Amino acid sequence: MSVRKFLTSDTAVNEGKIDADSQEVTKVLLSNQNKTFFFKDLNGGEAVGNLFSTREKIASAMHVKPSEILNHISHAIASPRPVNIVGKPRFRENSIPVDLTSLPIPKYYPEDGGKYITAGVIIAEWNGKKNISFHRMMITGKKKLVVRLVPRHLYTMHKMAKEAKQDLKISICIGLRPEVLLAAATSTDYDVDELEIASSMMVSSLSRPLEVGRCDNGLLVPADADYVFEARITSKEADEGPFVDITGTYDSVRSQPVIEVDKIWTSDAPLFQLLLPGGYEHYLLMGLPREPMILRTVSQVVPRTHAVRLTEGSCCWLHGIVSITKNKEGDGMNAIMAAFTGHPSMKRVTIVDEDIDIFDDRQVEWALATRFQGNLLTIPDAAGSSLDPSADVTTWKVGIDATLPVNADRKLFKKATLE
């Protein structure tokens, strides 16, 4: 069943035939980003978009409450669990001819460099080390893609493979449950298998581990993926982009590695998962796994750290809010510095007291209006996010301490109630 199981009764069904080059998919997904859309005929195949575009939908799919997502991911990162290898994984139900141009893969925006796989998770292994990570991939032919690699784990594996004069064997997985998607977007140590983080989340909420199956290239991938491409990252390069990234602005064209696809597996009645570039789902799947990192670093300096949120208005990437209970004066400033350590791409963080609901923008602004008196920490010339179009080589970072003094008379700062 794979991601088809996450379709609900209020999913909007698009019956019409959609040309993958028309940007009609983007228009539909943008019309209501909180709603899931099922496309019956996108370039001849079935596809789904906005599937996990709200915290509520992600939480429901993982069988937890929205308020529990942060701790759910945090616990899994701290306590990975083994996967369960199955002999007949669902993704191997069909083998289809390798022709990427025939699949339900759209061109999202007019100036994009081509059609893009946006919800693809690449699984790789080199010298016993595994990596599972998100990457955008632009179609350049029936069997070829160009992949955007940033200097992290997969980039390192590819570099070592090139030095050994070898292609890097990979599997590209599409149509995955949220535990795998969130684990793939998590920053971990090089030795960590992200599939075991996904497995831990499933054990916690579903009492069963993640099932995986083996590809012909030897790699283990999620058993219920809708599509699995067996492929290789080669030493060849080609231009990748332009592409609309998380901020909704076009990223630049770069020379990037070429992927050659050798085999395509699908489950029965597969659904191609679409991730709207710069959309709500993009924000959440990229940003949610960073929140546990901020929680961990802030908790190291302020033990009573309650919640973390990367805000939707900042694409769940550039601005954050953290709620704490101070033990002493200076905890607010310490929390600011620790938060920037937990998510170096963040350029602004606001620290509030525990009585402020950080998921309510009006409450956060109320705290700024009634509790903030210029307690700013500014950091010039810091390394920031390459996704920030306003940043040059470096960026300014700003921390706002909107907490009350430890000895403040709280009665003066509490909203009146009828209780």
Protein backbone atom coordinates (compact mmCIF):
# COMPACT_ATOMS: atom_id res chain seq x y z
CA MET A 1 0.00 0.00 0.00
CA SER A 2 2.80 2.44 0.87
CA VAL A 3 1.82 6.13 0.90
CA ARG A 4 -1.66 5.30 -0.45
CA LYS A 5 -2.54 4.34 3.14
CA PHE A 6 -2.13 7.99 4.19
CA LEU A 7 -4.81 9.29 1.84
CA THR A 8 -7.87 10.36 3.83
CA SER A 9 -11.53 10.90 2.99
CA ASP A 10 -10.97 14.63 2.50
CA THR A 11 -8.21 14.14 -0.09
CA ALA A 12 -9.01 16.15 -3.22
CA VAL A 13 -8.99 14.02 -6.39
CA ASN A 14 -7.88 15.58 -9.66
CA GLU A 15 -9.41 13.51 -12.45
CA GLY A 16 -8.03 15.44 -15.41
CA LYS A 17 -5.08 14.57 -17.59
CA ILE A 18 -2.12 16.80 -16.69
CA ASP A 19 0.85 17.56 -18.90
CA ALA A 20 3.99 17.30 -16.76
CA ASP A 21 5.44 20.42 -18.41
CA SER A 22 2.41 22.64 -17.82
CA GLN A 23 2.92 23.70 -14.16
CA GLU A 24 -0.73 22.72 -13.59
CA VAL A 25 0.39 20.51 -10.68
CA THR A 26 1.97 23.53 -9.00
CA LYS A 27 -1.19 25.61 -9.46
CA VAL A 28 -3.29 22.88 -7.85
CA LEU A 29 -0.94 22.32 -4.91
CA LEU A 30 -0.64 26.06 -4.27
CA SER A 31 -4.44 26.48 -4.29
CA ASN A 32 -4.65 24.94 -0.79
CA GLN A 33 -1.39 23.79 0.73
CA ASN A 34 -3.13 22.34 3.78
CA LYS A 35 -5.01 19.89 1.56
CA THR A 36 -3.74 16.63 0.06
CA PHE A 37 -4.21 16.29 -3.71
CA PHE A 38 -4.35 12.99 -5.60
CA PHE A 39 -3.59 13.23 -9.32
CA LYS A 40 -5.06 10.37 -11.35
CA ASP A 41 -3.28 11.16 -14.60
CA LEU A 42 -0.02 13.07 -14.41
CA ASN A 43 1.93 12.16 -17.52
CA GLY A 44 0.03 8.85 -17.51
CA GLY A 45 0.68 7.92 -13.87
CA GLU A 46 -0.77 8.52 -10.42
CA ALA A 47 0.79 10.99 -8.00
CA VAL A 48 0.12 12.67 -4.67
CA GLY A 49 1.14 16.08 -3.31
CA ASN A 50 0.80 18.00 -0.03
CA LEU A 51 0.59 14.61 1.69
CA PHE A 52 2.43 15.71 4.85
CA SER A 53 1.98 19.48 4.55
CA THR A 54 0.86 20.17 8.15
CA ARG A 55 2.14 19.16 11.56
CA GLU A 56 -1.25 17.58 12.18
CA LYS A 57 -1.03 15.30 9.13
CA ILE A 58 2.52 14.26 9.97
CA ALA A 59 1.54 13.51 13.56
CA SER A 60 -1.53 11.53 12.51
CA ALA A 61 0.49 9.42 10.08
CA MET A 62 2.98 8.61 12.86
CA HIS A 63 0.24 7.97 15.46
CA VAL A 64 1.39 10.74 17.80
CA LYS A 65 0.01 14.15 18.77
CA PRO A 66 1.39 17.26 17.06
CA SER A 67 2.84 18.42 20.39
CA GLU A 68 4.71 15.10 20.64
CA ILE A 69 6.56 15.29 17.30
CA LEU A 70 9.62 17.03 18.76
CA ASN A 71 10.19 14.48 21.51
CA HIS A 72 9.27 11.63 19.17
CA ILE A 73 12.09 12.55 16.79
CA SER A 74 14.48 13.43 19.63
CA HIS A 75 14.01 10.04 21.28
CA ALA A 76 14.59 8.22 17.98
CA ILE A 77 17.80 10.13 17.28
CA ALA A 78 19.08 9.25 20.75
CA SER A 79 17.93 5.60 20.57
CA PRO A 80 18.11 4.11 17.05
CA ARG A 81 16.52 0.68 16.64
CA PRO A 82 17.39 -2.14 14.20
CA VAL A 83 15.33 -2.57 11.05
CA ASN A 84 13.60 -5.80 10.04
CA ILE A 85 14.80 -7.34 6.75
CA VAL A 86 12.01 -9.00 4.75
CA GLY A 87 12.41 -11.44 1.87
CA LYS A 88 9.62 -10.13 -0.38
CA PRO A 89 9.50 -6.34 -0.11
CA ARG A 90 6.55 -4.58 -1.75
CA PHE A 91 8.75 -2.35 -3.88
CA ARG A 92 9.86 -5.41 -5.88
CA GLU A 93 6.35 -6.29 -7.06
CA ASN A 94 7.09 -4.89 -10.52
CA SER A 95 10.11 -4.06 -12.66
CA ILE A 96 9.42 -1.47 -15.36
CA PRO A 97 11.49 -0.17 -18.29
CA VAL A 98 13.92 2.59 -17.37
CA ASP A 99 12.40 5.71 -18.88
CA LEU A 100 12.29 8.65 -16.49
CA THR A 101 10.49 10.80 -19.06
CA SER A 102 7.45 8.48 -18.92
CA LEU A 103 6.94 8.82 -15.15
CA PRO A 104 4.62 11.29 -13.34
CA ILE A 105 7.40 13.80 -12.68
CA PRO A 106 6.49 17.48 -13.26
CA LYS A 107 8.29 20.67 -14.07
CA TYR A 108 7.15 22.84 -11.15
CA TYR A 109 8.01 26.40 -12.21
CA PRO A 110 8.53 28.01 -15.63
CA GLU A 111 12.23 28.80 -15.16
CA ASP A 112 13.18 25.43 -13.64
CA GLY A 113 15.95 23.68 -15.50
CA GLY A 114 13.67 20.72 -16.18
CA LYS A 115 11.42 18.16 -14.53
CA TYR A 116 12.44 17.42 -10.96
CA ILE A 117 12.20 14.55 -8.51
CA THR A 118 11.66 16.46 -5.25
CA ALA A 119 10.61 13.79 -2.73
CA GLY A 120 13.41 11.38 -3.58
CA VAL A 121 15.49 9.89 -0.78
CA ILE A 122 18.90 8.54 -1.80
CA ILE A 123 20.31 5.54 0.06
CA ALA A 124 24.02 4.84 -0.32
CA GLU A 125 26.77 2.82 1.31
CA TRP A 126 30.54 3.14 1.14
CA ASN A 127 33.11 1.16 3.13
CA GLY A 128 30.45 -0.03 5.56
CA LYS A 129 29.00 3.45 6.18
CA LYS A 130 25.36 4.09 5.23
CA ASN A 131 23.64 7.34 4.36
CA ILE A 132 20.00 8.20 3.77
CA SER A 133 19.30 11.76 2.62
CA PHE A 134 17.00 14.02 0.59
CA HIS A 135 18.24 15.40 -2.72
CA ARG A 136 16.59 17.18 -5.61
CA MET A 137 17.22 15.52 -8.96
CA MET A 138 16.70 17.01 -12.43
CA ILE A 139 15.83 14.72 -15.33
CA THR A 140 18.16 15.08 -18.29
CA GLY A 141 17.27 11.92 -20.23
CA LYS A 142 15.49 8.59 -20.09
CA LYS A 143 18.15 7.15 -17.80
CA LYS A 144 19.95 10.23 -16.48
CA LEU A 145 19.52 12.70 -13.64
CA VAL A 146 21.64 15.51 -12.25
CA VAL A 147 21.68 15.61 -8.45
CA ARG A 148 22.34 18.57 -6.16
CA LEU A 149 24.93 17.53 -3.58
CA VAL A 150 25.96 19.80 -0.72
CA PRO A 151 29.17 19.03 1.19
CA ARG A 152 27.74 16.54 3.67
CA HIS A 153 27.70 12.75 3.96
CA LEU A 154 26.59 11.69 0.46
CA TYR A 155 28.95 14.26 -1.04
CA THR A 156 31.77 12.69 1.00
CA MET A 157 30.88 9.17 -0.16
CA HIS A 158 30.75 10.29 -3.77
CA LYS A 159 34.12 12.02 -3.40
CA MET A 160 35.72 8.86 -1.97
CA ALA A 161 34.19 6.74 -4.73
CA LYS A 162 35.63 9.08 -7.36
CA GLU A 163 39.05 8.89 -5.71
CA ALA A 164 38.76 5.10 -5.98
CA LYS A 165 37.74 5.53 -9.65
CA GLN A 166 34.34 3.95 -9.00
CA ASP A 167 30.72 4.95 -9.40
CA LEU A 168 28.80 5.16 -6.13
CA LYS A 169 25.95 2.64 -6.04
CA ILE A 170 22.71 4.19 -4.79
CA SER A 171 19.00 3.50 -4.57
CA ILE A 172 16.52 6.35 -5.02
CA CYS A 173 13.31 5.79 -3.05
CA ILE A 174 10.03 7.62 -3.67
CA GLY A 175 6.73 7.19 -1.83
CA LEU A 176 7.86 6.86 1.77
CA ARG A 177 6.24 7.09 5.18
CA PRO A 178 6.96 10.21 7.27
CA GLU A 179 9.30 8.46 9.71
CA VAL A 180 11.70 7.71 6.84
CA LEU A 181 11.35 11.19 5.33
CA LEU A 182 12.08 12.89 8.67
CA ALA A 183 15.00 10.57 9.39
CA ALA A 184 16.44 11.30 5.93
CA ALA A 185 16.40 15.03 6.72
CA THR A 186 18.11 14.59 10.10
CA SER A 187 21.71 15.70 10.61
CA THR A 188 23.55 12.84 12.30
CA ASP A 189 27.05 11.57 12.84
CA TYR A 190 28.61 9.84 9.84
CA ASP A 191 28.39 6.44 11.57
CA VAL A 192 24.61 6.58 12.11
CA ASP A 193 22.17 4.65 9.91
CA GLU A 194 19.18 6.99 9.50
CA LEU A 195 16.88 4.04 8.72
CA GLU A 196 17.39 2.95 12.33
CA ILE A 197 16.15 6.38 13.45
CA ALA A 198 13.00 5.82 11.38
CA SER A 199 12.71 2.33 12.85
CA SER A 200 12.92 3.74 16.37
CA MET A 201 10.06 6.14 15.68
CA MET A 202 7.94 3.26 14.43
CA VAL A 203 8.73 1.07 17.43
CA SER A 204 7.75 3.91 19.78
CA SER A 205 4.37 4.63 18.20
CA LEU A 206 3.47 1.45 16.27
CA SER A 207 5.32 -1.22 18.28
CA ARG A 208 7.02 -2.58 15.16
CA PRO A 209 10.31 -1.77 13.43
CA LEU A 210 10.78 -0.44 9.92
CA GLU A 211 10.78 -3.20 7.31
CA VAL A 212 13.46 -3.10 4.62
CA GLY A 213 14.23 -5.18 1.56
CA ARG A 214 17.32 -5.72 -0.55
CA CYS A 215 17.85 -4.30 -4.01
CA ASP A 216 19.82 -6.17 -6.66
CA ASN A 217 22.67 -3.72 -6.03
CA GLY A 218 22.86 -4.97 -2.43
CA LEU A 219 21.40 -1.90 -0.73
CA LEU A 220 18.65 -2.18 1.89
CA VAL A 221 15.74 0.22 1.37
CA PRO A 222 12.27 0.67 2.91
CA ALA A 223 10.20 -2.34 1.90
CA ASP A 224 6.98 -0.44 1.18
CA ALA A 225 8.43 2.30 -1.04
CA ASP A 226 6.30 2.96 -4.13
CA TYR A 227 9.29 3.45 -6.45
CA VAL A 228 12.92 2.37 -6.10
CA PHE A 229 15.52 3.28 -8.72
CA GLU A 230 18.77 1.32 -8.66
CA ALA A 231 21.38 3.76 -9.90
CA ARG A 232 24.94 5.07 -9.75
CA ILE A 233 26.38 8.50 -9.07
CA THR A 234 29.07 8.81 -11.74
CA SER A 235 32.15 11.00 -12.02
CA LYS A 236 30.47 12.98 -14.82
CA GLU A 237 28.96 16.40 -14.17
CA ALA A 238 26.35 18.57 -15.86
CA ASP A 239 24.50 21.81 -15.13
CA GLU A 240 21.75 21.52 -12.51
CA GLY A 241 19.07 24.20 -12.13
CA PRO A 242 17.62 26.75 -11.94
CA PHE A 243 15.33 25.39 -9.24
CA VAL A 244 12.95 26.98 -6.74
CA ASP A 245 14.30 26.17 -3.28
CA ILE A 246 12.77 26.42 0.18
CA THR A 247 12.58 30.22 0.27
CA GLY A 248 10.48 30.27 -2.91
CA THR A 249 13.31 31.92 -4.84
CA TYR A 250 15.32 30.42 -7.68
CA ASP A 251 18.58 28.75 -6.75
CA SER A 252 21.49 29.20 -9.12
CA VAL A 253 22.82 26.85 -11.79
CA ARG A 254 25.77 24.68 -10.74
CA SER A 255 27.80 21.86 -12.22
CA GLN A 256 26.66 18.75 -10.31
CA PRO A 257 27.11 14.95 -10.50
CA VAL A 258 25.25 12.87 -13.07
CA ILE A 259 23.22 9.84 -11.95
CA GLU A 260 22.65 6.91 -14.30
CA VAL A 261 19.60 4.75 -13.54
CA ASP A 262 19.94 1.00 -14.18
CA LYS A 263 16.64 -0.42 -12.92
CA ILE A 264 13.24 0.74 -11.70
CA TRP A 265 11.12 -1.22 -9.22
CA THR A 266 7.56 -0.34 -8.22
CA SER A 267 4.92 -1.67 -5.89
CA ASP A 268 1.51 -2.55 -7.32
CA ALA A 269 -0.44 0.65 -8.15
CA PRO A 270 2.40 2.98 -7.15
CA LEU A 271 1.90 6.63 -6.19
CA PHE A 272 4.61 9.10 -7.15
CA GLN A 273 5.16 11.48 -4.23
CA LEU A 274 5.41 15.17 -5.15
CA LEU A 275 7.06 17.71 -2.85
CA LEU A 276 6.08 21.26 -3.82
CA PRO A 277 9.30 23.33 -3.90
CA GLY A 278 9.09 26.16 -1.41
CA GLY A 279 5.78 24.81 -0.08
CA TYR A 280 4.56 23.95 3.40
CA GLU A 281 5.51 20.28 3.09
CA HIS A 282 9.00 21.27 1.98
CA TYR A 283 9.27 23.53 5.05
CA LEU A 284 8.19 20.86 7.52
CA LEU A 285 10.12 17.87 6.18
CA MET A 286 13.28 19.97 6.06
CA GLY A 287 12.76 21.97 9.24
CA LEU A 288 11.16 19.56 11.74
CA PRO A 289 14.30 17.37 12.06
CA ARG A 290 16.31 20.49 13.00
CA GLU A 291 14.10 21.29 15.99
CA PRO A 292 15.44 18.36 18.09
CA MET A 293 18.98 19.61 17.44
CA ILE A 294 18.05 23.03 18.85
CA LEU A 295 16.26 21.40 21.79
CA ARG A 296 19.35 19.36 22.62
CA THR A 297 21.83 22.24 22.54
CA VAL A 298 19.59 24.65 24.46
CA SER A 299 18.75 22.00 27.07
CA GLN A 300 22.45 21.64 27.77
CA VAL A 301 22.57 25.22 29.10
CA VAL A 302 18.96 25.67 30.28
CA PRO A 303 17.66 22.36 31.70
CA ARG A 304 13.99 23.38 31.56
CA THR A 305 13.66 23.86 27.82
CA HIS A 306 10.09 23.12 26.81
CA ALA A 307 9.51 23.56 23.10
CA VAL A 308 11.18 24.59 19.86
CA ARG A 309 9.63 25.81 16.63
CA LEU A 310 11.13 26.86 13.34
CA THR A 311 8.53 29.24 11.99
CA GLU A 312 6.55 28.73 8.80
CA GLY A 313 6.97 32.39 7.89
CA SER A 314 10.72 31.81 7.72
CA CYS A 315 10.28 28.59 5.70
CA CYS A 316 10.86 26.53 8.88
CA TRP A 317 14.54 27.29 8.43
CA LEU A 318 15.72 30.83 9.14
CA HIS A 319 13.80 31.94 12.27
CA GLY A 320 13.19 30.00 15.48
CA ILE A 321 11.33 30.31 18.78
CA VAL A 322 12.31 28.52 22.00
CA SER A 323 10.39 28.44 25.29
CA ILE A 324 12.31 28.01 28.54
CA THR A 325 12.01 28.36 32.30
CA LYS A 326 14.94 30.39 33.57
CA ASN A 327 16.88 29.35 36.65
CA LYS A 328 19.00 32.50 36.71
CA GLU A 329 19.54 35.74 34.88
CA GLY A 330 21.52 35.21 31.71
CA ASP A 331 19.74 31.97 30.80
CA GLY A 332 17.93 33.75 27.97
CA MET A 333 21.18 34.86 26.36
CA ASN A 334 22.76 31.46 26.89
CA ALA A 335 19.73 29.89 25.21
CA ILE A 336 20.19 32.19 22.21
CA MET A 337 23.83 31.19 21.73
CA ALA A 338 23.04 27.50 22.19
CA ALA A 339 20.16 27.66 19.69
CA PHE A 340 22.45 29.04 16.99
CA THR A 341 24.82 26.16 17.69
CA GLY A 342 21.99 23.66 17.27
CA HIS A 343 20.93 25.08 13.90
CA PRO A 344 23.72 27.15 12.29
CA SER A 345 21.51 28.13 9.34
CA MET A 346 19.15 30.06 11.64
CA LYS A 347 19.54 33.85 11.50
CA ARG A 348 17.03 34.93 14.17
CA VAL A 349 15.87 33.22 17.37
CA THR A 350 13.40 34.45 19.98
CA ILE A 351 13.44 33.09 23.54
CA VAL A 352 10.16 33.22 25.48
CA ASP A 353 8.84 32.05 28.87
CA GLU A 354 7.10 28.73 29.37
CA ASP A 355 3.60 30.30 29.52
CA ILE A 356 3.84 31.46 25.89
CA ASP A 357 2.48 29.08 23.24
CA ILE A 358 5.22 29.21 20.62
CA PHE A 359 2.87 27.80 17.98
CA ASP A 360 0.62 30.86 18.31
CA ASP A 361 2.23 33.78 16.46
CA ARG A 362 0.05 36.30 18.28
CA GLN A 363 1.20 35.04 21.66
CA VAL A 364 4.83 35.29 20.59
CA GLU A 365 4.35 38.84 19.35
CA TRP A 366 2.47 39.67 22.57
CA ALA A 367 5.50 38.46 24.53
CA LEU A 368 7.71 40.72 22.42
CA ALA A 369 5.37 43.65 22.96
CA THR A 370 4.95 43.24 26.73
CA ARG A 371 8.17 41.60 27.94
CA PHE A 372 10.95 42.66 25.59
CA GLN A 373 13.11 45.72 26.33
CA GLY A 374 15.90 45.61 23.83
CA ASN A 375 17.67 42.48 25.12
CA LEU A 376 19.29 41.71 21.79
CA LEU A 377 22.30 39.65 20.86
CA THR A 378 23.67 40.54 17.43
CA ILE A 379 26.34 38.51 15.70
CA PRO A 380 27.85 40.09 12.56
CA ASP A 381 29.74 38.28 9.81
CA ALA A 382 28.57 34.80 10.82
CA ALA A 383 28.26 31.76 8.57
CA GLY A 384 24.61 31.36 7.70
CA SER A 385 22.39 29.56 5.23
CA SER A 386 23.18 29.35 1.54
CA LEU A 387 19.41 29.31 1.02
CA ASP A 388 19.06 32.89 2.31
CA PRO A 389 18.99 35.19 -0.76
CA SER A 390 19.85 38.22 1.41
CA ALA A 391 23.10 36.68 2.67
CA ASP A 392 26.33 37.39 0.86
CA VAL A 393 29.32 35.36 2.03
CA THR A 394 28.23 35.80 5.64
CA THR A 395 25.11 36.94 7.49
CA TRP A 396 24.04 38.83 10.60
CA LYS A 397 22.37 36.79 13.33
CA VAL A 398 19.98 38.26 15.88
CA GLY A 399 18.86 36.75 19.16
CA ILE A 400 15.91 38.22 21.09
CA ASP A 401 15.47 37.55 24.79
CA ALA A 402 11.74 38.12 25.45
CA THR A 403 11.74 36.41 28.85
CA LEU A 404 10.81 38.03 32.14
CA PRO A 405 13.42 38.77 34.82
CA VAL A 406 13.69 35.86 37.24
CA ASN A 407 12.41 37.93 40.17
CA ALA A 408 9.64 39.72 38.25
CA ASP A 409 6.18 39.93 39.77
CA ARG A 410 4.41 37.65 37.32
CA LYS A 411 0.99 38.98 38.25
CA LEU A 412 1.86 42.12 36.33
CA PHE A 413 2.60 40.16 33.15
CA LYS A 414 -0.24 37.62 33.05
CA LYS A 415 -3.30 38.11 30.89
CA ALA A 416 -6.56 38.43 32.76
CA THR A 417 -8.86 35.39 32.73
CA LEU A 418 -12.31 34.55 34.09
CA GLU A 419 -10.96 31.76 36.26
